[in-house]
Amino acid sequence: MKVLVVDDEKDVQTLFMQRFRKEIKRGEMDFVFAFSGEEALEIMKGLIHEAVLILSDINMPGMSGLELLGHIKQNYDKPPPIVMMITAYGDQENYNTAKQLGADDFLTKPVDFKLLKEKLTTLS
């Protein structure tokens, strides 16, 4: 499974690589990282024919995760990527907006990696 993680915090890459090292080593997951919404859209251009799971932070400088979600759901439908939004703020407004824009799931920070792995297992 190809997973695109979008977060402006660069230490997220190290964290994901550590938490999923076994799955990566077994070839079950392949992570790609973008540190802005704009960078994520550039990466998505190269993943057009691959099924992708996108984990995106909501609050980022420049293009927000919600804006990115809107672009992805409008422009990438074959195969349709699964998008999980991640935020430090579990407020109802962000949740409702993300759902209206087509988010498939919603996680809060700090990420519960055990729960995330369970969710990813049901998708693969």
PDB file of N, CA and C in Angstrom:
ATOM      1  N   MET A   1       0.850  -1.175   0.000  1.00  0.00           N
ATOM      2  CA  MET A   1       0.000   0.000   0.000  1.00  0.00           C
ATOM      3  C   MET A   1       0.891   1.232   0.000  1.00  0.00           C
ATOM      4  N   LYS A   2       0.624   2.137  -0.918  1.00  0.00           N
ATOM      5  CA  LYS A   2       1.353   3.398  -0.984  1.00  0.00           C
ATOM      6  C   LYS A   2       0.627   4.397  -0.095  1.00  0.00           C
ATOM      7  N   VAL A   3       1.392   5.045   0.815  1.00  0.00           N
ATOM      8  CA  VAL A   3       0.821   6.008   1.751  1.00  0.00           C
ATOM      9  C   VAL A   3       1.545   7.337   1.580  1.00  0.00           C
ATOM     10  N   LEU A   4       0.795   8.382   1.288  1.00  0.00           N
ATOM     11  CA  LEU A   4       1.328   9.735   1.200  1.00  0.00           C
ATOM     12  C   LEU A   4       0.980  10.453   2.494  1.00  0.00           C
ATOM     13  N   VAL A   5       2.006  10.842   3.254  1.00  0.00           N
ATOM     14  CA  VAL A   5       1.813  11.558   4.510  1.00  0.00           C
ATOM     15  C   VAL A   5       2.126  13.025   4.255  1.00  0.00           C
ATOM     16  N   VAL A   6       1.163  13.896   4.566  1.00  0.00           N
ATOM     17  CA  VAL A   6       1.329  15.324   4.325  1.00  0.00           C
ATOM     18  C   VAL A   6       1.279  16.047   5.665  1.00  0.00           C
ATOM     19  N   ASP A   7       2.392  16.646   6.044  1.00  0.00           N
ATOM     20  CA  ASP A   7       2.474  17.362   7.322  1.00  0.00           C
ATOM     21  C   ASP A   7       3.640  18.327   7.244  1.00  0.00           C
ATOM     22  N   ASP A   8       3.446  19.541   7.734  1.00  0.00           N
ATOM     23  CA  ASP A   8       4.517  20.528   7.691  1.00  0.00           C
ATOM     24  C   ASP A   8       5.591  20.269   8.747  1.00  0.00           C
ATOM     25  N   GLU A   9       5.352  19.385   9.688  1.00  0.00           N
ATOM     26  CA  GLU A   9       6.341  19.035  10.710  1.00  0.00           C
ATOM     27  C   GLU A   9       7.225  17.913  10.175  1.00  0.00           C
ATOM     28  N   LYS A  10       8.494  18.222   9.923  1.00  0.00           N
ATOM     29  CA  LYS A  10       9.404  17.270   9.275  1.00  0.00           C
ATOM     30  C   LYS A  10       9.686  16.037  10.128  1.00  0.00           C
ATOM     31  N   ASP A  11       9.579  16.149  11.461  1.00  0.00           N
ATOM     32  CA  ASP A  11       9.862  14.984  12.312  1.00  0.00           C
ATOM     33  C   ASP A  11       8.822  13.880  12.160  1.00  0.00           C
ATOM     34  N   VAL A  12       7.703  14.184  11.506  1.00  0.00           N
ATOM     35  CA  VAL A  12       6.670  13.178  11.249  1.00  0.00           C
ATOM     36  C   VAL A  12       7.234  12.053  10.384  1.00  0.00           C
ATOM     37  N   GLN A  13       8.115  12.392   9.459  1.00  0.00           N
ATOM     38  CA  GLN A  13       8.703  11.371   8.593  1.00  0.00           C
ATOM     39  C   GLN A  13       9.462  10.338   9.414  1.00  0.00           C
ATOM     40  N   THR A  14      10.320  10.784  10.320  1.00  0.00           N
ATOM     41  CA  THR A  14      11.077   9.859  11.167  1.00  0.00           C
ATOM     42  C   THR A  14      10.148   9.019  12.017  1.00  0.00           C
ATOM     43  N   LEU A  15       9.126   9.644  12.570  1.00  0.00           N
ATOM     44  CA  LEU A  15       8.168   8.943  13.422  1.00  0.00           C
ATOM     45  C   LEU A  15       7.458   7.824  12.661  1.00  0.00           C
ATOM     46  N   PHE A  16       6.951   8.119  11.472  1.00  0.00           N
ATOM     47  CA  PHE A  16       6.255   7.104  10.673  1.00  0.00           C
ATOM     48  C   PHE A  16       7.201   5.986  10.248  1.00  0.00           C
ATOM     49  N   MET A  17       8.429   6.340   9.864  1.00  0.00           N
ATOM     50  CA  MET A  17       9.386   5.321   9.431  1.00  0.00           C
ATOM     51  C   MET A  17       9.737   4.385  10.591  1.00  0.00           C
ATOM     52  N   GLN A  18       9.800   4.916  11.806  1.00  0.00           N
ATOM     53  CA  GLN A  18      10.077   4.078  12.978  1.00  0.00           C
ATOM     54  C   GLN A  18       8.874   3.195  13.313  1.00  0.00           C
ATOM     55  N   ARG A  19       7.687   3.781  13.343  1.00  0.00           N
ATOM     56  CA  ARG A  19       6.497   3.052  13.769  1.00  0.00           C
ATOM     57  C   ARG A  19       6.057   1.979  12.774  1.00  0.00           C
ATOM     58  N   PHE A  20       6.420   2.142  11.505  1.00  0.00           N
ATOM     59  CA  PHE A  20       6.010   1.190  10.471  1.00  0.00           C
ATOM     60  C   PHE A  20       7.202   0.442   9.874  1.00  0.00           C
ATOM     61  N   ARG A  21       8.315   0.377  10.592  1.00  0.00           N
ATOM     62  CA  ARG A  21       9.527  -0.228  10.021  1.00  0.00           C
ATOM     63  C   ARG A  21       9.315  -1.684   9.619  1.00  0.00           C
ATOM     64  N   LYS A  22       8.557  -2.439  10.401  1.00  0.00           N
ATOM     65  CA  LYS A  22       8.318  -3.851  10.060  1.00  0.00           C
ATOM     66  C   LYS A  22       7.489  -3.969   8.785  1.00  0.00           C
ATOM     67  N   GLU A  23       6.438  -3.153   8.673  1.00  0.00           N
ATOM     68  CA  GLU A  23       5.571  -3.190   7.487  1.00  0.00           C
ATOM     69  C   GLU A  23       6.337  -2.740   6.239  1.00  0.00           C
ATOM     70  N   ILE A  24       7.230  -1.770   6.411  1.00  0.00           N
ATOM     71  CA  ILE A  24       8.045  -1.289   5.292  1.00  0.00           C
ATOM     72  C   ILE A  24       9.024  -2.388   4.864  1.00  0.00           C
ATOM     73  N   LYS A  25       9.667  -3.002   5.840  1.00  0.00           N
ATOM     74  CA  LYS A  25      10.643  -4.055   5.544  1.00  0.00           C
ATOM     75  C   LYS A  25       9.992  -5.235   4.825  1.00  0.00           C
ATOM     76  N   ARG A  26       8.750  -5.577   5.213  1.00  0.00           N
ATOM     77  CA  ARG A  26       8.038  -6.689   4.577  1.00  0.00           C
ATOM     78  C   ARG A  26       7.436  -6.291   3.220  1.00  0.00           C
ATOM     79  N   GLY A  27       7.540  -5.019   2.853  1.00  0.00           N
ATOM     80  CA  GLY A  27       7.004  -4.555   1.577  1.00  0.00           C
ATOM     81  C   GLY A  27       5.499  -4.335   1.594  1.00  0.00           C
ATOM     82  N   GLU A  28       4.913  -4.278   2.779  1.00  0.00           N
ATOM     83  CA  GLU A  28       3.468  -4.080   2.900  1.00  0.00           C
ATOM     84  C   GLU A  28       3.066  -2.618   2.748  1.00  0.00           C
ATOM     85  N   MET A  29       3.999  -1.713   3.065  1.00  0.00           N
ATOM     86  CA  MET A  29       3.706  -0.285   2.990  1.00  0.00           C
ATOM     87  C   MET A  29       4.884   0.450   2.383  1.00  0.00           C
ATOM     88  N   ASP A  30       4.550   1.457   1.634  1.00  0.00           N
ATOM     89  CA  ASP A  30       5.543   2.317   1.005  1.00  0.00           C
ATOM     90  C   ASP A  30       5.127   3.752   1.306  1.00  0.00           C
ATOM     91  N   PHE A  31       5.946   4.464   2.068  1.00  0.00           N
ATOM     92  CA  PHE A  31       5.605   5.821   2.470  1.00  0.00           C
ATOM     93  C   PHE A  31       6.290   6.854   1.593  1.00  0.00           C
ATOM     94  N   VAL A  32       5.529   7.891   1.256  1.00  0.00           N
ATOM     95  CA  VAL A  32       6.027   9.064   0.554  1.00  0.00           C
ATOM     96  C   VAL A  32       5.609  10.244   1.433  1.00  0.00           C
ATOM     97  N   PHE A  33       6.493  11.242   1.561  1.00  0.00           N
ATOM     98  CA  PHE A  33       6.209  12.365   2.452  1.00  0.00           C
ATOM     99  C   PHE A  33       6.208  13.681   1.696  1.00  0.00           C
ATOM    100  N   ALA A  34       5.234  14.516   2.023  1.00  0.00           N
ATOM    101  CA  ALA A  34       5.158  15.881   1.500  1.00  0.00           C
ATOM    102  C   ALA A  34       5.026  16.806   2.706  1.00  0.00           C
ATOM    103  N   PHE A  35       5.662  17.951   2.631  1.00  0.00           N
ATOM    104  CA  PHE A  35       5.667  18.861   3.768  1.00  0.00           C
ATOM    105  C   PHE A  35       4.817  20.111   3.542  1.00  0.00           C
ATOM    106  N   SER A  36       3.994  20.050   2.494  1.00  0.00           N
ATOM    107  CA  SER A  36       3.025  21.125   2.234  1.00  0.00           C
ATOM    108  C   SER A  36       1.949  20.560   1.309  1.00  0.00           C
ATOM    109  N   GLY A  37       0.823  21.246   1.258  1.00  0.00           N
ATOM    110  CA  GLY A  37      -0.240  20.838   0.357  1.00  0.00           C
ATOM    111  C   GLY A  37       0.193  20.933  -1.096  1.00  0.00           C
ATOM    112  N   GLU A  38       0.938  21.972  -1.407  1.00  0.00           N
ATOM    113  CA  GLU A  38       1.409  22.163  -2.774  1.00  0.00           C
ATOM    114  C   GLU A  38       2.337  21.020  -3.194  1.00  0.00           C
ATOM    115  N   GLU A  39       3.244  20.629  -2.301  1.00  0.00           N
ATOM    116  CA  GLU A  39       4.158  19.520  -2.600  1.00  0.00           C
ATOM    117  C   GLU A  39       3.375  18.211  -2.767  1.00  0.00           C
ATOM    118  N   ALA A  40       2.341  18.030  -1.961  1.00  0.00           N
ATOM    119  CA  ALA A  40       1.512  16.822  -2.071  1.00  0.00           C
ATOM    120  C   ALA A  40       0.852  16.731  -3.440  1.00  0.00           C
ATOM    121  N   LEU A  41       0.348  17.848  -3.957  1.00  0.00           N
ATOM    122  CA  LEU A  41      -0.280  17.835  -5.283  1.00  0.00           C
ATOM    123  C   LEU A  41       0.726  17.479  -6.372  1.00  0.00           C
ATOM    124  N   GLU A  42       1.961  17.963  -6.245  1.00  0.00           N
ATOM    125  CA  GLU A  42       3.004  17.614  -7.218  1.00  0.00           C
ATOM    126  C   GLU A  42       3.284  16.112  -7.172  1.00  0.00           C
ATOM    127  N   ILE A  43       3.359  15.551  -5.975  1.00  0.00           N
ATOM    128  CA  ILE A  43       3.598  14.111  -5.831  1.00  0.00           C
ATOM    129  C   ILE A  43       2.431  13.325  -6.410  1.00  0.00           C
ATOM    130  N   MET A  44       1.216  13.790  -6.174  1.00  0.00           N
ATOM    131  CA  MET A  44       0.020  13.095  -6.666  1.00  0.00           C
ATOM    132  C   MET A  44       0.022  12.976  -8.187  1.00  0.00           C
ATOM    133  N   LYS A  45       0.603  13.939  -8.872  1.00  0.00           N
ATOM    134  CA  LYS A  45       0.663  13.872 -10.335  1.00  0.00           C
ATOM    135  C   LYS A  45       1.396  12.615 -10.795  1.00  0.00           C
ATOM    136  N   GLY A  46       2.382  12.171 -10.024  1.00  0.00           N
ATOM    137  CA  GLY A  46       3.138  10.981 -10.379  1.00  0.00           C
ATOM    138  C   GLY A  46       2.511   9.685  -9.888  1.00  0.00           C
ATOM    139  N   LEU A  47       1.438   9.782  -9.125  1.00  0.00           N
ATOM    140  CA  LEU A  47       0.796   8.587  -8.558  1.00  0.00           C
ATOM    141  C   LEU A  47      -0.583   8.339  -9.159  1.00  0.00           C
ATOM    142  N   ILE A  48      -0.841   8.892 -10.324  1.00  0.00           N
ATOM    143  CA  ILE A  48      -2.181   8.861 -10.913  1.00  0.00           C
ATOM    144  C   ILE A  48      -2.736   7.452 -11.051  1.00  0.00           C
ATOM    145  N   HIS A  49      -1.913   6.481 -11.384  1.00  0.00           N
ATOM    146  CA  HIS A  49      -2.431   5.132 -11.622  1.00  0.00           C
ATOM    147  C   HIS A  49      -2.246   4.195 -10.433  1.00  0.00           C
ATOM    148  N   GLU A  50      -1.863   4.742  -9.292  1.00  0.00           N
ATOM    149  CA  GLU A  50      -1.665   3.914  -8.104  1.00  0.00           C
ATOM    150  C   GLU A  50      -2.751   4.211  -7.078  1.00  0.00           C
ATOM    151  N   ALA A  51      -3.210   3.169  -6.416  1.00  0.00           N
ATOM    152  CA  ALA A  51      -4.122   3.365  -5.288  1.00  0.00           C
ATOM    153  C   ALA A  51      -3.299   3.956  -4.154  1.00  0.00           C
ATOM    154  N   VAL A  52      -3.802   5.008  -3.558  1.00  0.00           N
ATOM    155  CA  VAL A  52      -3.046   5.743  -2.561  1.00  0.00           C
ATOM    156  C   VAL A  52      -3.917   6.017  -1.342  1.00  0.00           C
ATOM    157  N   LEU A  53      -3.292   5.925  -0.182  1.00  0.00           N
ATOM    158  CA  LEU A  53      -3.902   6.388   1.054  1.00  0.00           C
ATOM    159  C   LEU A  53      -3.179   7.670   1.424  1.00  0.00           C
ATOM    160  N   ILE A  54      -3.928   8.712   1.720  1.00  0.00           N
ATOM    161  CA  ILE A  54      -3.327   9.997   2.070  1.00  0.00           C
ATOM    162  C   ILE A  54      -3.673  10.313   3.519  1.00  0.00           C
ATOM    163  N   LEU A  55      -2.642  10.584   4.307  1.00  0.00           N
ATOM    164  CA  LEU A  55      -2.810  11.044   5.682  1.00  0.00           C
ATOM    165  C   LEU A  55      -2.362  12.495   5.684  1.00  0.00           C
ATOM    166  N   SER A  56      -3.281  13.414   5.912  1.00  0.00           N
ATOM    167  CA  SER A  56      -2.941  14.828   5.807  1.00  0.00           C
ATOM    168  C   SER A  56      -3.275  15.595   7.074  1.00  0.00           C
ATOM    169  N   ASP A  57      -2.308  16.384   7.507  1.00  0.00           N
ATOM    170  CA  ASP A  57      -2.528  17.340   8.579  1.00  0.00           C
ATOM    171  C   ASP A  57      -3.508  18.388   8.059  1.00  0.00           C
ATOM    172  N   ILE A  58      -4.295  18.971   8.943  1.00  0.00           N
ATOM    173  CA  ILE A  58      -5.223  20.018   8.520  1.00  0.00           C
ATOM    174  C   ILE A  58      -4.554  21.384   8.544  1.00  0.00           C
ATOM    175  N   ASN A  59      -3.885  21.704   9.642  1.00  0.00           N
ATOM    176  CA  ASN A  59      -3.310  23.043   9.821  1.00  0.00           C
ATOM    177  C   ASN A  59      -1.872  23.087   9.336  1.00  0.00           C
ATOM    178  N   MET A  60      -1.689  23.655   8.123  1.00  0.00           N
ATOM    179  CA  MET A  60      -0.365  23.817   7.540  1.00  0.00           C
ATOM    180  C   MET A  60      -0.282  25.212   6.934  1.00  0.00           C
ATOM    181  N   PRO A  61       0.923  25.786   6.908  1.00  0.00           N
ATOM    182  CA  PRO A  61       1.062  27.085   6.231  1.00  0.00           C
ATOM    183  C   PRO A  61       0.830  26.923   4.733  1.00  0.00           C
ATOM    184  N   GLY A  62       0.410  27.978   4.079  1.00  0.00           N
ATOM    185  CA  GLY A  62       0.092  27.881   2.653  1.00  0.00           C
ATOM    186  C   GLY A  62      -1.230  27.165   2.491  1.00  0.00           C
ATOM    187  N   MET A  63      -1.251  26.141   1.659  1.00  0.00           N
ATOM    188  CA  MET A  63      -2.466  25.367   1.426  1.00  0.00           C
ATOM    189  C   MET A  63      -2.765  24.500   2.651  1.00  0.00           C
ATOM    190  N   SER A  64      -3.946  24.661   3.208  1.00  0.00           N
ATOM    191  CA  SER A  64      -4.330  23.846   4.369  1.00  0.00           C
ATOM    192  C   SER A  64      -4.666  22.425   3.919  1.00  0.00           C
ATOM    193  N   GLY A  65      -4.725  21.516   4.871  1.00  0.00           N
ATOM    194  CA  GLY A  65      -5.113  20.153   4.560  1.00  0.00           C
ATOM    195  C   GLY A  65      -6.518  20.065   4.007  1.00  0.00           C
ATOM    196  N   LEU A  66      -7.392  20.964   4.455  1.00  0.00           N
ATOM    197  CA  LEU A  66      -8.765  20.965   3.937  1.00  0.00           C
ATOM    198  C   LEU A  66      -8.797  21.409   2.476  1.00  0.00           C
ATOM    199  N   GLU A  67      -7.985  22.407   2.132  1.00  0.00           N
ATOM    200  CA  GLU A  67      -7.895  22.825   0.725  1.00  0.00           C
ATOM    201  C   GLU A  67      -7.319  21.692  -0.128  1.00  0.00           C
ATOM    202  N   LEU A  68      -6.290  21.031   0.401  1.00  0.00           N
ATOM    203  CA  LEU A  68      -5.693  19.891  -0.301  1.00  0.00           C
ATOM    204  C   LEU A  68      -6.730  18.790  -0.514  1.00  0.00           C
ATOM    205  N   LEU A  69      -7.502  18.499   0.512  1.00  0.00           N
ATOM    206  CA  LEU A  69      -8.562  17.494   0.417  1.00  0.00           C
ATOM    207  C   LEU A  69      -9.521  17.819  -0.723  1.00  0.00           C
ATOM    208  N   GLY A  70      -9.934  19.067  -0.816  1.00  0.00           N
ATOM    209  CA  GLY A  70     -10.827  19.494  -1.891  1.00  0.00           C
ATOM    210  C   GLY A  70     -10.227  19.241  -3.267  1.00  0.00           C
ATOM    211  N   HIS A  71      -8.940  19.600  -3.436  1.00  0.00           N
ATOM    212  CA  HIS A  71      -8.261  19.366  -4.725  1.00  0.00           C
ATOM    213  C   HIS A  71      -8.190  17.876  -5.050  1.00  0.00           C
ATOM    214  N   ILE A  72      -7.838  17.075  -4.058  1.00  0.00           N
ATOM    215  CA  ILE A  72      -7.678  15.633  -4.292  1.00  0.00           C
ATOM    216  C   ILE A  72      -9.009  14.998  -4.688  1.00  0.00           C
ATOM    217  N   LYS A  73     -10.053  15.296  -3.949  1.00  0.00           N
ATOM    218  CA  LYS A  73     -11.356  14.673  -4.213  1.00  0.00           C
ATOM    219  C   LYS A  73     -11.944  15.138  -5.547  1.00  0.00           C
ATOM    220  N   GLN A  74     -11.589  16.342  -6.003  1.00  0.00           N
ATOM    221  CA  GLN A  74     -12.093  16.839  -7.287  1.00  0.00           C
ATOM    222  C   GLN A  74     -11.296  16.313  -8.474  1.00  0.00           C
ATOM    223  N   ASN A  75      -9.992  16.113  -8.287  1.00  0.00           N
ATOM    224  CA  ASN A  75      -9.120  15.847  -9.424  1.00  0.00           C
ATOM    225  C   ASN A  75      -8.544  14.443  -9.523  1.00  0.00           C
ATOM    226  N   TYR A  76      -8.670  13.643  -8.479  1.00  0.00           N
ATOM    227  CA  TYR A  76      -8.074  12.311  -8.493  1.00  0.00           C
ATOM    228  C   TYR A  76      -9.132  11.282  -8.144  1.00  0.00           C
ATOM    229  N   ASP A  77      -9.767  10.746  -9.171  1.00  0.00           N
ATOM    230  CA  ASP A  77     -10.855   9.805  -8.897  1.00  0.00           C
ATOM    231  C   ASP A  77     -10.599   8.409  -9.458  1.00  0.00           C
ATOM    232  N   LYS A  78      -9.497   8.190 -10.160  1.00  0.00           N
ATOM    233  CA  LYS A  78      -9.211   6.871 -10.728  1.00  0.00           C
ATOM    234  C   LYS A  78      -7.764   6.499 -10.470  1.00  0.00           C
ATOM    235  N   PRO A  79      -7.475   5.613  -9.558  1.00  0.00           N
ATOM    236  CA  PRO A  79      -8.380   5.102  -8.524  1.00  0.00           C
ATOM    237  C   PRO A  79      -8.579   6.169  -7.460  1.00  0.00           C
ATOM    238  N   PRO A  80      -9.717   6.159  -6.805  1.00  0.00           N
ATOM    239  CA  PRO A  80      -9.953   7.211  -5.803  1.00  0.00           C
ATOM    240  C   PRO A  80      -9.083   6.990  -4.572  1.00  0.00           C
ATOM    241  N   PRO A  81      -8.292   8.005  -4.192  1.00  0.00           N
ATOM    242  CA  PRO A  81      -7.475   7.855  -2.989  1.00  0.00           C
ATOM    243  C   PRO A  81      -8.351   7.910  -1.731  1.00  0.00           C
ATOM    244  N   ILE A  82      -7.923   7.201  -0.715  1.00  0.00           N
ATOM    245  CA  ILE A  82      -8.569   7.273   0.593  1.00  0.00           C
ATOM    246  C   ILE A  82      -7.841   8.367   1.354  1.00  0.00           C
ATOM    247  N   VAL A  83      -8.580   9.308   1.923  1.00  0.00           N
ATOM    248  CA  VAL A  83      -7.961  10.427   2.619  1.00  0.00           C
ATOM    249  C   VAL A  83      -8.384  10.443   4.083  1.00  0.00           C
ATOM    250  N   MET A  84      -7.391  10.371   4.968  1.00  0.00           N
ATOM    251  CA  MET A  84      -7.614  10.505   6.408  1.00  0.00           C
ATOM    252  C   MET A  84      -7.004  11.827   6.843  1.00  0.00           C
ATOM    253  N   MET A  85      -7.784  12.644   7.488  1.00  0.00           N
ATOM    254  CA  MET A  85      -7.302  13.930   7.974  1.00  0.00           C
ATOM    255  C   MET A  85      -6.780  13.767   9.397  1.00  0.00           C
ATOM    256  N   ILE A  86      -5.674  14.458   9.682  1.00  0.00           N
ATOM    257  CA  ILE A  86      -5.057  14.395  11.005  1.00  0.00           C
ATOM    258  C   ILE A  86      -4.916  15.819  11.527  1.00  0.00           C
ATOM    259  N   THR A  87      -5.333  16.032  12.785  1.00  0.00           N
ATOM    260  CA  THR A  87      -5.204  17.366  13.356  1.00  0.00           C
ATOM    261  C   THR A  87      -4.989  17.307  14.863  1.00  0.00           C
ATOM    262  N   ALA A  88      -4.352  18.336  15.366  1.00  0.00           N
ATOM    263  CA  ALA A  88      -4.171  18.461  16.818  1.00  0.00           C
ATOM    264  C   ALA A  88      -5.445  19.012  17.444  1.00  0.00           C
ATOM    265  N   TYR A  89      -6.324  19.524  16.605  1.00  0.00           N
ATOM    266  CA  TYR A  89      -7.557  20.131  17.096  1.00  0.00           C
ATOM    267  C   TYR A  89      -8.737  19.261  16.683  1.00  0.00           C
ATOM    268  N   GLY A  90      -9.306  18.532  17.621  1.00  0.00           N
ATOM    269  CA  GLY A  90     -10.424  17.644  17.306  1.00  0.00           C
ATOM    270  C   GLY A  90     -11.754  18.361  17.369  1.00  0.00           C
ATOM    271  N   ASP A  91     -11.790  19.599  16.871  1.00  0.00           N
ATOM    272  CA  ASP A  91     -13.017  20.377  16.974  1.00  0.00           C
ATOM    273  C   ASP A  91     -14.049  19.966  15.929  1.00  0.00           C
ATOM    274  N   GLN A  92     -15.281  20.189  16.242  1.00  0.00           N
ATOM    275  CA  GLN A  92     -16.401  19.769  15.399  1.00  0.00           C
ATOM    276  C   GLN A  92     -16.401  20.483  14.046  1.00  0.00           C
ATOM    277  N   GLU A  93     -15.978  21.742  14.011  1.00  0.00           N
ATOM    278  CA  GLU A  93     -15.989  22.494  12.753  1.00  0.00           C
ATOM    279  C   GLU A  93     -15.043  21.869  11.725  1.00  0.00           C
ATOM    280  N   ASN A  94     -13.796  21.564  12.132  1.00  0.00           N
ATOM    281  CA  ASN A  94     -12.855  20.911  11.208  1.00  0.00           C
ATOM    282  C   ASN A  94     -13.372  19.539  10.790  1.00  0.00           C
ATOM    283  N   TYR A  95     -13.925  18.800  11.738  1.00  0.00           N
ATOM    284  CA  TYR A  95     -14.460  17.474  11.437  1.00  0.00           C
ATOM    285  C   TYR A  95     -15.571  17.570  10.390  1.00  0.00           C
ATOM    286  N   ASN A  96     -16.524  18.483  10.616  1.00  0.00           N
ATOM    287  CA  ASN A  96     -17.647  18.642   9.683  1.00  0.00           C
ATOM    288  C   ASN A  96     -17.168  19.085   8.306  1.00  0.00           C
ATOM    289  N   THR A  97     -16.241  20.039   8.271  1.00  0.00           N
ATOM    290  CA  THR A  97     -15.722  20.518   6.990  1.00  0.00           C
ATOM    291  C   THR A  97     -15.005  19.396   6.254  1.00  0.00           C
ATOM    292  N   ALA A  98     -14.183  18.639   6.965  1.00  0.00           N
ATOM    293  CA  ALA A  98     -13.457  17.527   6.338  1.00  0.00           C
ATOM    294  C   ALA A  98     -14.428  16.494   5.779  1.00  0.00           C
ATOM    295  N   LYS A  99     -15.458  16.161   6.523  1.00  0.00           N
ATOM    296  CA  LYS A  99     -16.450  15.186   6.054  1.00  0.00           C
ATOM    297  C   LYS A  99     -17.184  15.714   4.822  1.00  0.00           C
ATOM    298  N   GLN A 100     -17.564  16.993   4.834  1.00  0.00           N
ATOM    299  CA  GLN A 100     -18.265  17.589   3.686  1.00  0.00           C
ATOM    300  C   GLN A 100     -17.394  17.578   2.433  1.00  0.00           C
ATOM    301  N   LEU A 101     -16.079  17.720   2.617  1.00  0.00           N
ATOM    302  CA  LEU A 101     -15.158  17.725   1.477  1.00  0.00           C
ATOM    303  C   LEU A 101     -14.799  16.325   1.002  1.00  0.00           C
ATOM    304  N   GLY A 102     -15.263  15.302   1.726  1.00  0.00           N
ATOM    305  CA  GLY A 102     -15.053  13.937   1.277  1.00  0.00           C
ATOM    306  C   GLY A 102     -14.008  13.148   2.045  1.00  0.00           C
ATOM    307  N   ALA A 103     -13.576  13.618   3.224  1.00  0.00           N
ATOM    308  CA  ALA A 103     -12.600  12.857   4.013  1.00  0.00           C
ATOM    309  C   ALA A 103     -13.187  11.493   4.364  1.00  0.00           C
ATOM    310  N   ASP A 104     -12.357  10.485   4.279  1.00  0.00           N
ATOM    311  CA  ASP A 104     -12.793   9.125   4.585  1.00  0.00           C
ATOM    312  C   ASP A 104     -12.671   8.796   6.067  1.00  0.00           C
ATOM    313  N   ASP A 105     -11.807   9.532   6.767  1.00  0.00           N
ATOM    314  CA  ASP A 105     -11.627   9.295   8.200  1.00  0.00           C
ATOM    315  C   ASP A 105     -10.977  10.528   8.806  1.00  0.00           C
ATOM    316  N   PHE A 106     -10.928  10.566  10.130  1.00  0.00           N
ATOM    317  CA  PHE A 106     -10.458  11.740  10.849  1.00  0.00           C
ATOM    318  C   PHE A 106      -9.724  11.260  12.092  1.00  0.00           C
ATOM    319  N   LEU A 107      -8.455  11.638  12.249  1.00  0.00           N
ATOM    320  CA  LEU A 107      -7.651  11.241  13.396  1.00  0.00           C
ATOM    321  C   LEU A 107      -7.142  12.479  14.121  1.00  0.00           C
ATOM    322  N   THR A 108      -6.920  12.351  15.428  1.00  0.00           N
ATOM    323  CA  THR A 108      -6.375  13.480  16.179  1.00  0.00           C
ATOM    324  C   THR A 108      -4.936  13.186  16.593  1.00  0.00           C
ATOM    325  N   LYS A 109      -4.172  14.262  16.745  1.00  0.00           N
ATOM    326  CA  LYS A 109      -2.798  14.169  17.223  1.00  0.00           C
ATOM    327  C   LYS A 109      -2.810  14.205  18.743  1.00  0.00           C
ATOM    328  N   PRO A 110      -1.887  13.556  19.413  1.00  0.00           N
ATOM    329  CA  PRO A 110      -0.880  12.699  18.810  1.00  0.00           C
ATOM    330  C   PRO A 110      -1.522  11.452  18.222  1.00  0.00           C
ATOM    331  N   VAL A 111      -0.994  11.016  17.101  1.00  0.00           N
ATOM    332  CA  VAL A 111      -1.568   9.867  16.392  1.00  0.00           C
ATOM    333  C   VAL A 111      -1.405   8.606  17.241  1.00  0.00           C
ATOM    334  N   ASP A 112      -2.486   7.896  17.392  1.00  0.00           N
ATOM    335  CA  ASP A 112      -2.470   6.587  18.048  1.00  0.00           C
ATOM    336  C   ASP A 112      -2.082   5.583  16.966  1.00  0.00           C
ATOM    337  N   PHE A 113      -0.814   5.181  16.939  1.00  0.00           N
ATOM    338  CA  PHE A 113      -0.321   4.334  15.859  1.00  0.00           C
ATOM    339  C   PHE A 113      -0.930   2.938  15.894  1.00  0.00           C
ATOM    340  N   LYS A 114      -1.296   2.460  17.051  1.00  0.00           N
ATOM    341  CA  LYS A 114      -1.963   1.151  17.118  1.00  0.00           C
ATOM    342  C   LYS A 114      -3.306   1.229  16.396  1.00  0.00           C
ATOM    343  N   LEU A 115      -4.078   2.281  16.668  1.00  0.00           N
ATOM    344  CA  LEU A 115      -5.364   2.483  16.000  1.00  0.00           C
ATOM    345  C   LEU A 115      -5.161   2.698  14.502  1.00  0.00           C
ATOM    346  N   LEU A 116      -4.164   3.491  14.131  1.00  0.00           N
ATOM    347  CA  LEU A 116      -3.897   3.742  12.714  1.00  0.00           C
ATOM    348  C   LEU A 116      -3.550   2.444  11.995  1.00  0.00           C
ATOM    349  N   LYS A 117      -2.714   1.604  12.602  1.00  0.00           N
ATOM    350  CA  LYS A 117      -2.359   0.328  11.978  1.00  0.00           C
ATOM    351  C   LYS A 117      -3.591  -0.557  11.802  1.00  0.00           C
ATOM    352  N   GLU A 118      -4.490  -0.538  12.783  1.00  0.00           N
ATOM    353  CA  GLU A 118      -5.732  -1.320  12.659  1.00  0.00           C
ATOM    354  C   GLU A 118      -6.564  -0.819  11.483  1.00  0.00           C
ATOM    355  N   LYS A 119      -6.660   0.496  11.356  1.00  0.00           N
ATOM    356  CA  LYS A 119      -7.433   1.075  10.244  1.00  0.00           C
ATOM    357  C   LYS A 119      -6.799   0.733   8.909  1.00  0.00           C
ATOM    358  N   LEU A 120      -5.483   0.781   8.828  1.00  0.00           N
ATOM    359  CA  LEU A 120      -4.790   0.484   7.579  1.00  0.00           C
ATOM    360  C   LEU A 120      -4.902  -0.989   7.216  1.00  0.00           C
ATOM    361  N   THR A 121      -4.924  -1.851   8.213  1.00  0.00           N
ATOM    362  CA  THR A 121      -5.063  -3.283   7.966  1.00  0.00           C
ATOM    363  C   THR A 121      -6.405  -3.590   7.321  1.00  0.00           C
ATOM    364  N   THR A 122      -7.452  -2.891   7.725  1.00  0.00           N
ATOM    365  CA  THR A 122      -8.777  -3.140   7.140  1.00  0.00           C
ATOM    366  C   THR A 122      -8.857  -2.639   5.701  1.00  0.00           C
ATOM    367  N   LEU A 123      -7.950  -1.729   5.308  1.00  0.00           N
ATOM    368  CA  LEU A 123      -7.967  -1.182   3.950  1.00  0.00           C
ATOM    369  C   LEU A 123      -7.175  -2.029   2.969  1.00  0.00           C
ATOM    370  N   SER A 124      -6.196  -2.763   3.471  1.00  0.00           N
ATOM    371  CA  SER A 124      -5.321  -3.490   2.535  1.00  0.00           C
ATOM    372  C   SER A 124      -5.874  -4.854   2.157  1.00  0.00           C
TER     373      SER A 124
END
